[in-house]
Amino acid sequence: MTADHINHEHEGHDDKHLSKSWQSALVTLGLMFAIGFFAMQTIGKSPAKPIHVEASNLTTPESQSLMQAIAPFGEISFFGGNLHQIHDSVTSLSWVEHATVRRDWYQGITVEAVPRKPIANFGSQEMIDANGVVFRPADKGDVMNPDLVTLHGSATQADAIMRQMQYVNQQFAPLGLTVDDLILTPRNTWVIRFHNGLRVVVDDENTTQKLHQLAQILNERFAERINDMQSVDLRYKNGFSIAWRNKK
């Protein structure tokens, strides 16, 4: 047998193998297309459903608040509804830190929300989270939580007020003092009340330096008499004044 004849037989075998491979690939693609087409048809004809809320991480008031926010959208088919509009509606709730809206093969349109975690009360009707965001909790009963510090001031200065609270707690920690209430007045005067009742008033001039120096002096000279103090006024150019409690 000549070399040319052998090569022709080999090429013929390769052509048959390639032909079968292409046929197999086409059949596979056809099946995948058919399955996908029927699946899409089935999903497309599926009845509209109410938006599903993942509520495992939510309190009852939070879940109810979320349901009220999405109620206007009614029942939605799998490919229906504008996910961006639903997302905007959910995140418009001030207690929602962030939310996810997705299409689920089994449950339809699904919404999951992560609530903000308060670190302090803000005024008498709101709270503030660790990012300095002021919000209204879903449950009105959560406001004025006695276990949290209460901050007062303009919401536009909420982040600065929160950071001031953290700074004061850090400076006065060696004395065993923690902030109970902190107020920033419209005239930018800080009024700090500690858990033991001691009140400190300081203006907006060199505030940080004055508080730092006060903490040092109290720790060095008055550590044993902290609970005898009623208030400290730092609104002086040089020094400060102390008002003592009346002993019974």
C-alpha atoms as a PDB file:
ATOM      1  CA  MET A   1       0.000   0.000   0.000  1.00  0.00           C
ATOM      2  CA  THR A   2       1.441   3.395  -0.960  1.00  0.00           C
ATOM      3  CA  ALA A   3       1.972   6.261   1.466  1.00  0.00           C
ATOM      4  CA  ASP A   4      -0.603   8.386  -0.415  1.00  0.00           C
ATOM      5  CA  HIS A   5      -3.277   5.700   0.016  1.00  0.00           C
ATOM      6  CA  ILE A   6      -2.569   5.435   3.757  1.00  0.00           C
ATOM      7  CA  ASN A   7      -2.855   9.224   4.180  1.00  0.00           C
ATOM      8  CA  HIS A   8      -6.199   9.307   2.342  1.00  0.00           C
ATOM      9  CA  GLU A   9      -7.616   6.583   4.599  1.00  0.00           C
ATOM     10  CA  HIS A  10      -6.421   8.474   7.712  1.00  0.00           C
ATOM     11  CA  GLU A  11      -7.949  11.723   6.479  1.00  0.00           C
ATOM     12  CA  GLY A  12     -11.239   9.978   5.755  1.00  0.00           C
ATOM     13  CA  HIS A  13     -11.317   8.570   9.291  1.00  0.00           C
ATOM     14  CA  ASP A  14     -10.677  12.059  10.732  1.00  0.00           C
ATOM     15  CA  ASP A  15     -13.482  13.543   8.634  1.00  0.00           C
ATOM     16  CA  LYS A  16     -15.964  10.954   9.940  1.00  0.00           C
ATOM     17  CA  HIS A  17     -14.828  11.596  13.546  1.00  0.00           C
ATOM     18  CA  LEU A  18     -15.224  15.362  13.133  1.00  0.00           C
ATOM     19  CA  SER A  19     -18.633  14.899  11.535  1.00  0.00           C
ATOM     20  CA  LYS A  20     -19.855  12.809  14.486  1.00  0.00           C
ATOM     21  CA  SER A  21     -18.430  15.380  16.955  1.00  0.00           C
ATOM     22  CA  TRP A  22     -20.281  18.191  15.234  1.00  0.00           C
ATOM     23  CA  GLN A  23     -23.486  16.187  15.175  1.00  0.00           C
ATOM     24  CA  SER A  24     -23.152  15.446  18.894  1.00  0.00           C
ATOM     25  CA  ALA A  25     -22.472  19.100  19.663  1.00  0.00           C
ATOM     26  CA  LEU A  26     -25.460  20.242  17.632  1.00  0.00           C
ATOM     27  CA  VAL A  27     -27.745  17.735  19.355  1.00  0.00           C
ATOM     28  CA  THR A  28     -26.495  18.896  22.759  1.00  0.00           C
ATOM     29  CA  LEU A  29     -27.035  22.545  21.869  1.00  0.00           C
ATOM     30  CA  GLY A  30     -30.476  21.734  20.541  1.00  0.00           C
ATOM     31  CA  LEU A  31     -31.440  19.969  23.756  1.00  0.00           C
ATOM     32  CA  MET A  32     -30.104  22.829  25.863  1.00  0.00           C
ATOM     33  CA  PHE A  33     -32.035  25.351  23.785  1.00  0.00           C
ATOM     34  CA  ALA A  34     -35.214  23.299  24.038  1.00  0.00           C
ATOM     35  CA  ILE A  35     -34.876  22.891  27.802  1.00  0.00           C
ATOM     36  CA  GLY A  36     -34.135  26.593  28.225  1.00  0.00           C
ATOM     37  CA  PHE A  37     -37.023  27.571  25.966  1.00  0.00           C
ATOM     38  CA  PHE A  38     -39.541  25.430  27.826  1.00  0.00           C
ATOM     39  CA  ALA A  39     -38.174  26.614  31.181  1.00  0.00           C
ATOM     40  CA  MET A  40     -38.564  30.244  30.125  1.00  0.00           C
ATOM     41  CA  GLN A  41     -42.056  29.538  28.842  1.00  0.00           C
ATOM     42  CA  THR A  42     -42.991  27.874  32.115  1.00  0.00           C
ATOM     43  CA  ILE A  43     -41.568  30.715  34.222  1.00  0.00           C
ATOM     44  CA  GLY A  44     -43.105  33.309  31.952  1.00  0.00           C
ATOM     45  CA  LYS A  45     -46.538  31.744  32.393  1.00  0.00           C
ATOM     46  CA  SER A  46     -46.135  31.312  36.156  1.00  0.00           C
ATOM     47  CA  PRO A  47     -48.683  33.271  38.197  1.00  0.00           C
ATOM     48  CA  ALA A  48     -47.725  36.604  39.740  1.00  0.00           C
ATOM     49  CA  LYS A  49     -46.655  36.423  43.375  1.00  0.00           C
ATOM     50  CA  PRO A  50     -46.347  38.895  46.238  1.00  0.00           C
ATOM     51  CA  ILE A  51     -42.792  40.105  46.851  1.00  0.00           C
ATOM     52  CA  HIS A  52     -41.112  37.700  49.259  1.00  0.00           C
ATOM     53  CA  VAL A  53     -39.410  39.231  52.310  1.00  0.00           C
ATOM     54  CA  GLU A  54     -36.477  37.478  53.983  1.00  0.00           C
ATOM     55  CA  ALA A  55     -37.395  38.326  57.573  1.00  0.00           C
ATOM     56  CA  SER A  56     -35.153  35.995  59.580  1.00  0.00           C
ATOM     57  CA  ASN A  57     -32.905  38.888  60.689  1.00  0.00           C
ATOM     58  CA  LEU A  58     -35.717  41.386  61.280  1.00  0.00           C
ATOM     59  CA  THR A  59     -37.905  42.193  64.249  1.00  0.00           C
ATOM     60  CA  THR A  60     -41.676  42.074  63.827  1.00  0.00           C
ATOM     61  CA  PRO A  61     -41.978  45.894  63.513  1.00  0.00           C
ATOM     62  CA  GLU A  62     -39.148  45.950  60.941  1.00  0.00           C
ATOM     63  CA  SER A  63     -40.792  43.202  58.915  1.00  0.00           C
ATOM     64  CA  GLN A  64     -44.131  45.027  59.001  1.00  0.00           C
ATOM     65  CA  SER A  65     -42.489  48.305  57.981  1.00  0.00           C
ATOM     66  CA  LEU A  66     -40.824  46.577  55.036  1.00  0.00           C
ATOM     67  CA  MET A  67     -44.084  44.948  53.938  1.00  0.00           C
ATOM     68  CA  GLN A  68     -45.809  48.342  53.970  1.00  0.00           C
ATOM     69  CA  ALA A  69     -43.050  49.844  51.817  1.00  0.00           C
ATOM     70  CA  ILE A  70     -43.397  47.191  49.090  1.00  0.00           C
ATOM     71  CA  ALA A  71     -47.191  46.809  49.305  1.00  0.00           C
ATOM     72  CA  PRO A  72     -47.846  49.292  46.428  1.00  0.00           C
ATOM     73  CA  PHE A  73     -46.004  46.969  44.013  1.00  0.00           C
ATOM     74  CA  GLY A  74     -48.605  44.246  44.570  1.00  0.00           C
ATOM     75  CA  GLU A  75     -48.080  40.830  42.988  1.00  0.00           C
ATOM     76  CA  ILE A  76     -45.336  40.549  40.368  1.00  0.00           C
ATOM     77  CA  SER A  77     -44.480  37.860  37.807  1.00  0.00           C
ATOM     78  CA  PHE A  78     -40.932  36.498  37.687  1.00  0.00           C
ATOM     79  CA  PHE A  79     -39.792  38.800  34.876  1.00  0.00           C
ATOM     80  CA  GLY A  80     -42.073  41.647  35.899  1.00  0.00           C
ATOM     81  CA  GLY A  81     -41.371  44.582  38.159  1.00  0.00           C
ATOM     82  CA  ASN A  82     -38.540  47.070  38.277  1.00  0.00           C
ATOM     83  CA  LEU A  83     -35.943  45.846  40.765  1.00  0.00           C
ATOM     84  CA  HIS A  84     -34.382  49.314  41.042  1.00  0.00           C
ATOM     85  CA  GLN A  85     -37.701  50.887  42.015  1.00  0.00           C
ATOM     86  CA  ILE A  86     -38.305  48.205  44.634  1.00  0.00           C
ATOM     87  CA  HIS A  87     -34.775  48.710  45.981  1.00  0.00           C
ATOM     88  CA  ASP A  88     -35.267  52.490  46.183  1.00  0.00           C
ATOM     89  CA  SER A  89     -38.543  52.019  48.041  1.00  0.00           C
ATOM     90  CA  VAL A  90     -36.924  49.713  50.607  1.00  0.00           C
ATOM     91  CA  THR A  91     -33.825  51.858  51.185  1.00  0.00           C
ATOM     92  CA  SER A  92     -36.004  54.951  51.642  1.00  0.00           C
ATOM     93  CA  LEU A  93     -36.791  53.518  55.089  1.00  0.00           C
ATOM     94  CA  SER A  94     -34.289  55.286  57.339  1.00  0.00           C
ATOM     95  CA  TRP A  95     -33.757  52.220  59.555  1.00  0.00           C
ATOM     96  CA  VAL A  96     -32.526  50.164  56.565  1.00  0.00           C
ATOM     97  CA  GLU A  97     -28.734  50.227  56.221  1.00  0.00           C
ATOM     98  CA  HIS A  98     -28.705  48.394  52.888  1.00  0.00           C
ATOM     99  CA  ALA A  99     -30.946  46.041  50.937  1.00  0.00           C
ATOM    100  CA  THR A 100     -30.791  43.351  48.251  1.00  0.00           C
ATOM    101  CA  VAL A 101     -33.536  42.749  45.677  1.00  0.00           C
ATOM    102  CA  ARG A 102     -33.241  39.714  43.402  1.00  0.00           C
ATOM    103  CA  ARG A 103     -35.217  37.220  41.301  1.00  0.00           C
ATOM    104  CA  ASP A 104     -35.438  33.763  42.852  1.00  0.00           C
ATOM    105  CA  TRP A 105     -36.486  30.722  40.769  1.00  0.00           C
ATOM    106  CA  TYR A 106     -38.717  29.403  43.545  1.00  0.00           C
ATOM    107  CA  GLN A 107     -39.908  32.446  45.492  1.00  0.00           C
ATOM    108  CA  GLY A 108     -40.051  35.081  42.760  1.00  0.00           C
ATOM    109  CA  ILE A 109     -38.964  38.636  43.597  1.00  0.00           C
ATOM    110  CA  THR A 110     -37.154  38.500  46.942  1.00  0.00           C
ATOM    111  CA  VAL A 111     -36.151  41.358  49.236  1.00  0.00           C
ATOM    112  CA  GLU A 112     -33.598  41.202  52.043  1.00  0.00           C
ATOM    113  CA  ALA A 113     -32.872  44.201  54.286  1.00  0.00           C
ATOM    114  CA  VAL A 114     -30.148  44.792  56.873  1.00  0.00           C
ATOM    115  CA  PRO A 115     -31.268  47.089  59.726  1.00  0.00           C
ATOM    116  CA  ARG A 116     -29.069  49.778  61.229  1.00  0.00           C
ATOM    117  CA  LYS A 117     -27.629  49.048  64.672  1.00  0.00           C
ATOM    118  CA  PRO A 118     -27.986  51.993  67.072  1.00  0.00           C
ATOM    119  CA  ILE A 119     -25.106  52.984  69.325  1.00  0.00           C
ATOM    120  CA  ALA A 120     -26.914  55.940  70.924  1.00  0.00           C
ATOM    121  CA  ASN A 121     -30.228  57.745  71.186  1.00  0.00           C
ATOM    122  CA  PHE A 122     -30.372  60.975  69.183  1.00  0.00           C
ATOM    123  CA  GLY A 123     -32.847  63.413  70.654  1.00  0.00           C
ATOM    124  CA  SER A 124     -36.139  61.932  71.817  1.00  0.00           C
ATOM    125  CA  GLN A 125     -37.373  60.367  68.572  1.00  0.00           C
ATOM    126  CA  GLU A 126     -34.331  59.133  66.659  1.00  0.00           C
ATOM    127  CA  MET A 127     -31.184  57.028  67.021  1.00  0.00           C
ATOM    128  CA  ILE A 128     -27.693  57.071  65.519  1.00  0.00           C
ATOM    129  CA  ASP A 129     -25.538  54.231  64.183  1.00  0.00           C
ATOM    130  CA  ALA A 130     -21.760  53.730  64.181  1.00  0.00           C
ATOM    131  CA  ASN A 131     -21.477  55.556  60.844  1.00  0.00           C
ATOM    132  CA  GLY A 132     -23.014  58.705  62.305  1.00  0.00           C
ATOM    133  CA  VAL A 133     -26.303  58.226  60.440  1.00  0.00           C
ATOM    134  CA  VAL A 134     -29.416  59.427  62.265  1.00  0.00           C
ATOM    135  CA  PHE A 135     -32.489  57.260  61.707  1.00  0.00           C
ATOM    136  CA  ARG A 136     -35.950  56.460  63.011  1.00  0.00           C
ATOM    137  CA  PRO A 137     -36.262  52.850  64.177  1.00  0.00           C
ATOM    138  CA  ALA A 138     -39.135  50.769  62.855  1.00  0.00           C
ATOM    139  CA  ASP A 139     -40.302  50.219  66.418  1.00  0.00           C
ATOM    140  CA  LYS A 140     -41.046  53.535  68.149  1.00  0.00           C
ATOM    141  CA  GLY A 141     -40.571  51.736  71.447  1.00  0.00           C
ATOM    142  CA  ASP A 142     -36.841  51.502  70.719  1.00  0.00           C
ATOM    143  CA  VAL A 143     -36.255  55.254  71.050  1.00  0.00           C
ATOM    144  CA  MET A 144     -34.878  56.649  74.301  1.00  0.00           C
ATOM    145  CA  ASN A 145     -33.295  53.306  75.138  1.00  0.00           C
ATOM    146  CA  PRO A 146     -32.100  53.701  78.764  1.00  0.00           C
ATOM    147  CA  ASP A 147     -29.128  51.426  78.079  1.00  0.00           C
ATOM    148  CA  LEU A 148     -27.712  53.814  75.460  1.00  0.00           C
ATOM    149  CA  VAL A 149     -26.123  57.259  75.606  1.00  0.00           C
ATOM    150  CA  THR A 150     -28.400  60.114  74.547  1.00  0.00           C
ATOM    151  CA  LEU A 151     -26.994  62.697  72.128  1.00  0.00           C
ATOM    152  CA  HIS A 152     -28.631  66.046  71.336  1.00  0.00           C
ATOM    153  CA  GLY A 153     -28.012  68.534  68.563  1.00  0.00           C
ATOM    154  CA  SER A 154     -28.575  69.182  64.886  1.00  0.00           C
ATOM    155  CA  ALA A 155     -28.797  66.085  62.681  1.00  0.00           C
ATOM    156  CA  THR A 156     -26.384  67.788  60.260  1.00  0.00           C
ATOM    157  CA  GLN A 157     -23.723  67.627  63.000  1.00  0.00           C
ATOM    158  CA  ALA A 158     -24.597  64.123  64.171  1.00  0.00           C
ATOM    159  CA  ASP A 159     -21.288  62.601  63.092  1.00  0.00           C
ATOM    160  CA  ALA A 160     -19.272  65.265  64.961  1.00  0.00           C
ATOM    161  CA  ILE A 161     -21.423  64.793  68.071  1.00  0.00           C
ATOM    162  CA  MET A 162     -20.911  61.036  67.957  1.00  0.00           C
ATOM    163  CA  ARG A 163     -17.139  61.420  67.576  1.00  0.00           C
ATOM    164  CA  GLN A 164     -17.073  63.873  70.483  1.00  0.00           C
ATOM    165  CA  MET A 165     -18.840  61.305  72.671  1.00  0.00           C
ATOM    166  CA  GLN A 166     -16.252  58.691  71.726  1.00  0.00           C
ATOM    167  CA  TYR A 167     -13.385  61.105  72.450  1.00  0.00           C
ATOM    168  CA  VAL A 168     -14.760  62.081  75.868  1.00  0.00           C
ATOM    169  CA  ASN A 169     -15.275  58.442  76.845  1.00  0.00           C
ATOM    170  CA  GLN A 170     -11.689  57.688  75.835  1.00  0.00           C
ATOM    171  CA  GLN A 171     -10.208  60.623  77.772  1.00  0.00           C
ATOM    172  CA  PHE A 172     -12.174  60.053  80.980  1.00  0.00           C
ATOM    173  CA  ALA A 173     -12.029  56.246  81.010  1.00  0.00           C
ATOM    174  CA  PRO A 174      -9.086  56.201  83.507  1.00  0.00           C
ATOM    175  CA  LEU A 175     -11.405  57.965  85.977  1.00  0.00           C
ATOM    176  CA  GLY A 176     -14.127  55.387  85.455  1.00  0.00           C
ATOM    177  CA  LEU A 177     -16.418  57.996  83.881  1.00  0.00           C
ATOM    178  CA  THR A 178     -18.653  57.356  80.866  1.00  0.00           C
ATOM    179  CA  VAL A 179     -20.933  59.768  79.030  1.00  0.00           C
ATOM    180  CA  ASP A 180     -24.639  59.497  79.807  1.00  0.00           C
ATOM    181  CA  ASP A 181     -25.867  62.569  77.890  1.00  0.00           C
ATOM    182  CA  LEU A 182     -24.098  64.912  75.495  1.00  0.00           C
ATOM    183  CA  ILE A 183     -25.575  68.107  74.061  1.00  0.00           C
ATOM    184  CA  LEU A 184     -24.278  70.435  71.354  1.00  0.00           C
ATOM    185  CA  THR A 185     -26.271  73.667  71.704  1.00  0.00           C
ATOM    186  CA  PRO A 186     -27.093  76.053  68.824  1.00  0.00           C
ATOM    187  CA  ARG A 187     -24.271  78.271  70.144  1.00  0.00           C
ATOM    188  CA  ASN A 188     -21.790  75.393  69.823  1.00  0.00           C
ATOM    189  CA  THR A 189     -21.463  74.875  73.553  1.00  0.00           C
ATOM    190  CA  TRP A 190     -20.929  71.301  74.690  1.00  0.00           C
ATOM    191  CA  VAL A 191     -22.790  70.067  77.766  1.00  0.00           C
ATOM    192  CA  ILE A 192     -21.608  66.652  78.970  1.00  0.00           C
ATOM    193  CA  ARG A 193     -23.261  64.664  81.744  1.00  0.00           C
ATOM    194  CA  PHE A 194     -21.491  61.571  83.009  1.00  0.00           C
ATOM    195  CA  HIS A 195     -23.131  58.498  84.483  1.00  0.00           C
ATOM    196  CA  ASN A 196     -22.336  59.645  88.049  1.00  0.00           C
ATOM    197  CA  GLY A 197     -24.154  62.964  87.520  1.00  0.00           C
ATOM    198  CA  LEU A 198     -21.063  65.127  86.984  1.00  0.00           C
ATOM    199  CA  ARG A 199     -21.736  67.843  84.390  1.00  0.00           C
ATOM    200  CA  VAL A 200     -19.015  69.436  82.248  1.00  0.00           C
ATOM    201  CA  VAL A 201     -19.621  72.546  80.127  1.00  0.00           C
ATOM    202  CA  VAL A 202     -17.121  73.626  77.462  1.00  0.00           C
ATOM    203  CA  ASP A 203     -17.252  76.098  74.567  1.00  0.00           C
ATOM    204  CA  ASP A 204     -16.092  75.563  70.981  1.00  0.00           C
ATOM    205  CA  GLU A 205     -12.698  77.226  71.510  1.00  0.00           C
ATOM    206  CA  ASN A 206      -9.926  74.635  71.898  1.00  0.00           C
ATOM    207  CA  THR A 207     -12.549  72.132  73.030  1.00  0.00           C
ATOM    208  CA  THR A 208     -10.434  69.031  72.550  1.00  0.00           C
ATOM    209  CA  GLN A 209      -7.439  70.501  74.387  1.00  0.00           C
ATOM    210  CA  LYS A 210      -9.571  71.697  77.318  1.00  0.00           C
ATOM    211  CA  LEU A 211     -11.211  68.296  77.765  1.00  0.00           C
ATOM    212  CA  HIS A 212      -7.860  66.529  77.562  1.00  0.00           C
ATOM    213  CA  GLN A 213      -6.311  68.816  80.189  1.00  0.00           C
ATOM    214  CA  LEU A 214      -9.331  68.469  82.483  1.00  0.00           C
ATOM    215  CA  ALA A 215      -9.140  64.677  82.352  1.00  0.00           C
ATOM    216  CA  GLN A 216      -5.436  64.816  83.263  1.00  0.00           C
ATOM    217  CA  ILE A 217      -5.925  67.248  86.159  1.00  0.00           C
ATOM    218  CA  LEU A 218      -8.874  65.347  87.598  1.00  0.00           C
ATOM    219  CA  ASN A 219      -6.928  62.108  87.414  1.00  0.00           C
ATOM    220  CA  GLU A 220      -3.835  63.607  89.069  1.00  0.00           C
ATOM    221  CA  ARG A 221      -5.434  65.818  91.752  1.00  0.00           C
ATOM    222  CA  PHE A 222      -9.102  64.993  92.235  1.00  0.00           C
ATOM    223  CA  ALA A 223      -9.462  61.288  91.484  1.00  0.00           C
ATOM    224  CA  GLU A 224     -10.730  60.583  95.010  1.00  0.00           C
ATOM    225  CA  ARG A 225     -13.263  63.420  94.915  1.00  0.00           C
ATOM    226  CA  ILE A 226     -14.864  62.895  91.507  1.00  0.00           C
ATOM    227  CA  ASN A 227     -18.205  61.896  93.016  1.00  0.00           C
ATOM    228  CA  ASP A 228     -18.231  65.052  95.172  1.00  0.00           C
ATOM    229  CA  MET A 229     -18.242  67.288  92.095  1.00  0.00           C
ATOM    230  CA  GLN A 230     -21.502  68.639  90.740  1.00  0.00           C
ATOM    231  CA  SER A 231     -20.179  70.447  87.662  1.00  0.00           C
ATOM    232  CA  VAL A 232     -17.071  71.767  85.928  1.00  0.00           C
ATOM    233  CA  ASP A 233     -17.133  74.879  83.740  1.00  0.00           C
ATOM    234  CA  LEU A 234     -14.366  75.091  81.128  1.00  0.00           C
ATOM    235  CA  ARG A 235     -15.574  78.310  79.472  1.00  0.00           C
ATOM    236  CA  TYR A 236     -12.637  80.333  80.731  1.00  0.00           C
ATOM    237  CA  LYS A 237      -9.537  81.504  78.912  1.00  0.00           C
ATOM    238  CA  ASN A 238      -7.358  80.315  81.761  1.00  0.00           C
ATOM    239  CA  GLY A 239      -8.431  77.496  84.030  1.00  0.00           C
ATOM    240  CA  PHE A 240     -11.882  76.268  85.024  1.00  0.00           C
ATOM    241  CA  SER A 241     -14.333  76.346  87.913  1.00  0.00           C
ATOM    242  CA  ILE A 242     -15.693  73.468  89.994  1.00  0.00           C
ATOM    243  CA  ALA A 243     -19.054  73.394  91.764  1.00  0.00           C
ATOM    244  CA  TRP A 244     -19.202  70.909  94.629  1.00  0.00           C
ATOM    245  CA  ARG A 245     -22.186  68.911  95.793  1.00  0.00           C
ATOM    246  CA  ASN A 246     -23.780  69.979  99.046  1.00  0.00           C
ATOM    247  CA  LYS A 247     -23.032  67.378 101.661  1.00  0.00           C
ATOM    248  CA  LYS A 248     -26.001  66.405 103.796  1.00  0.00           C
END
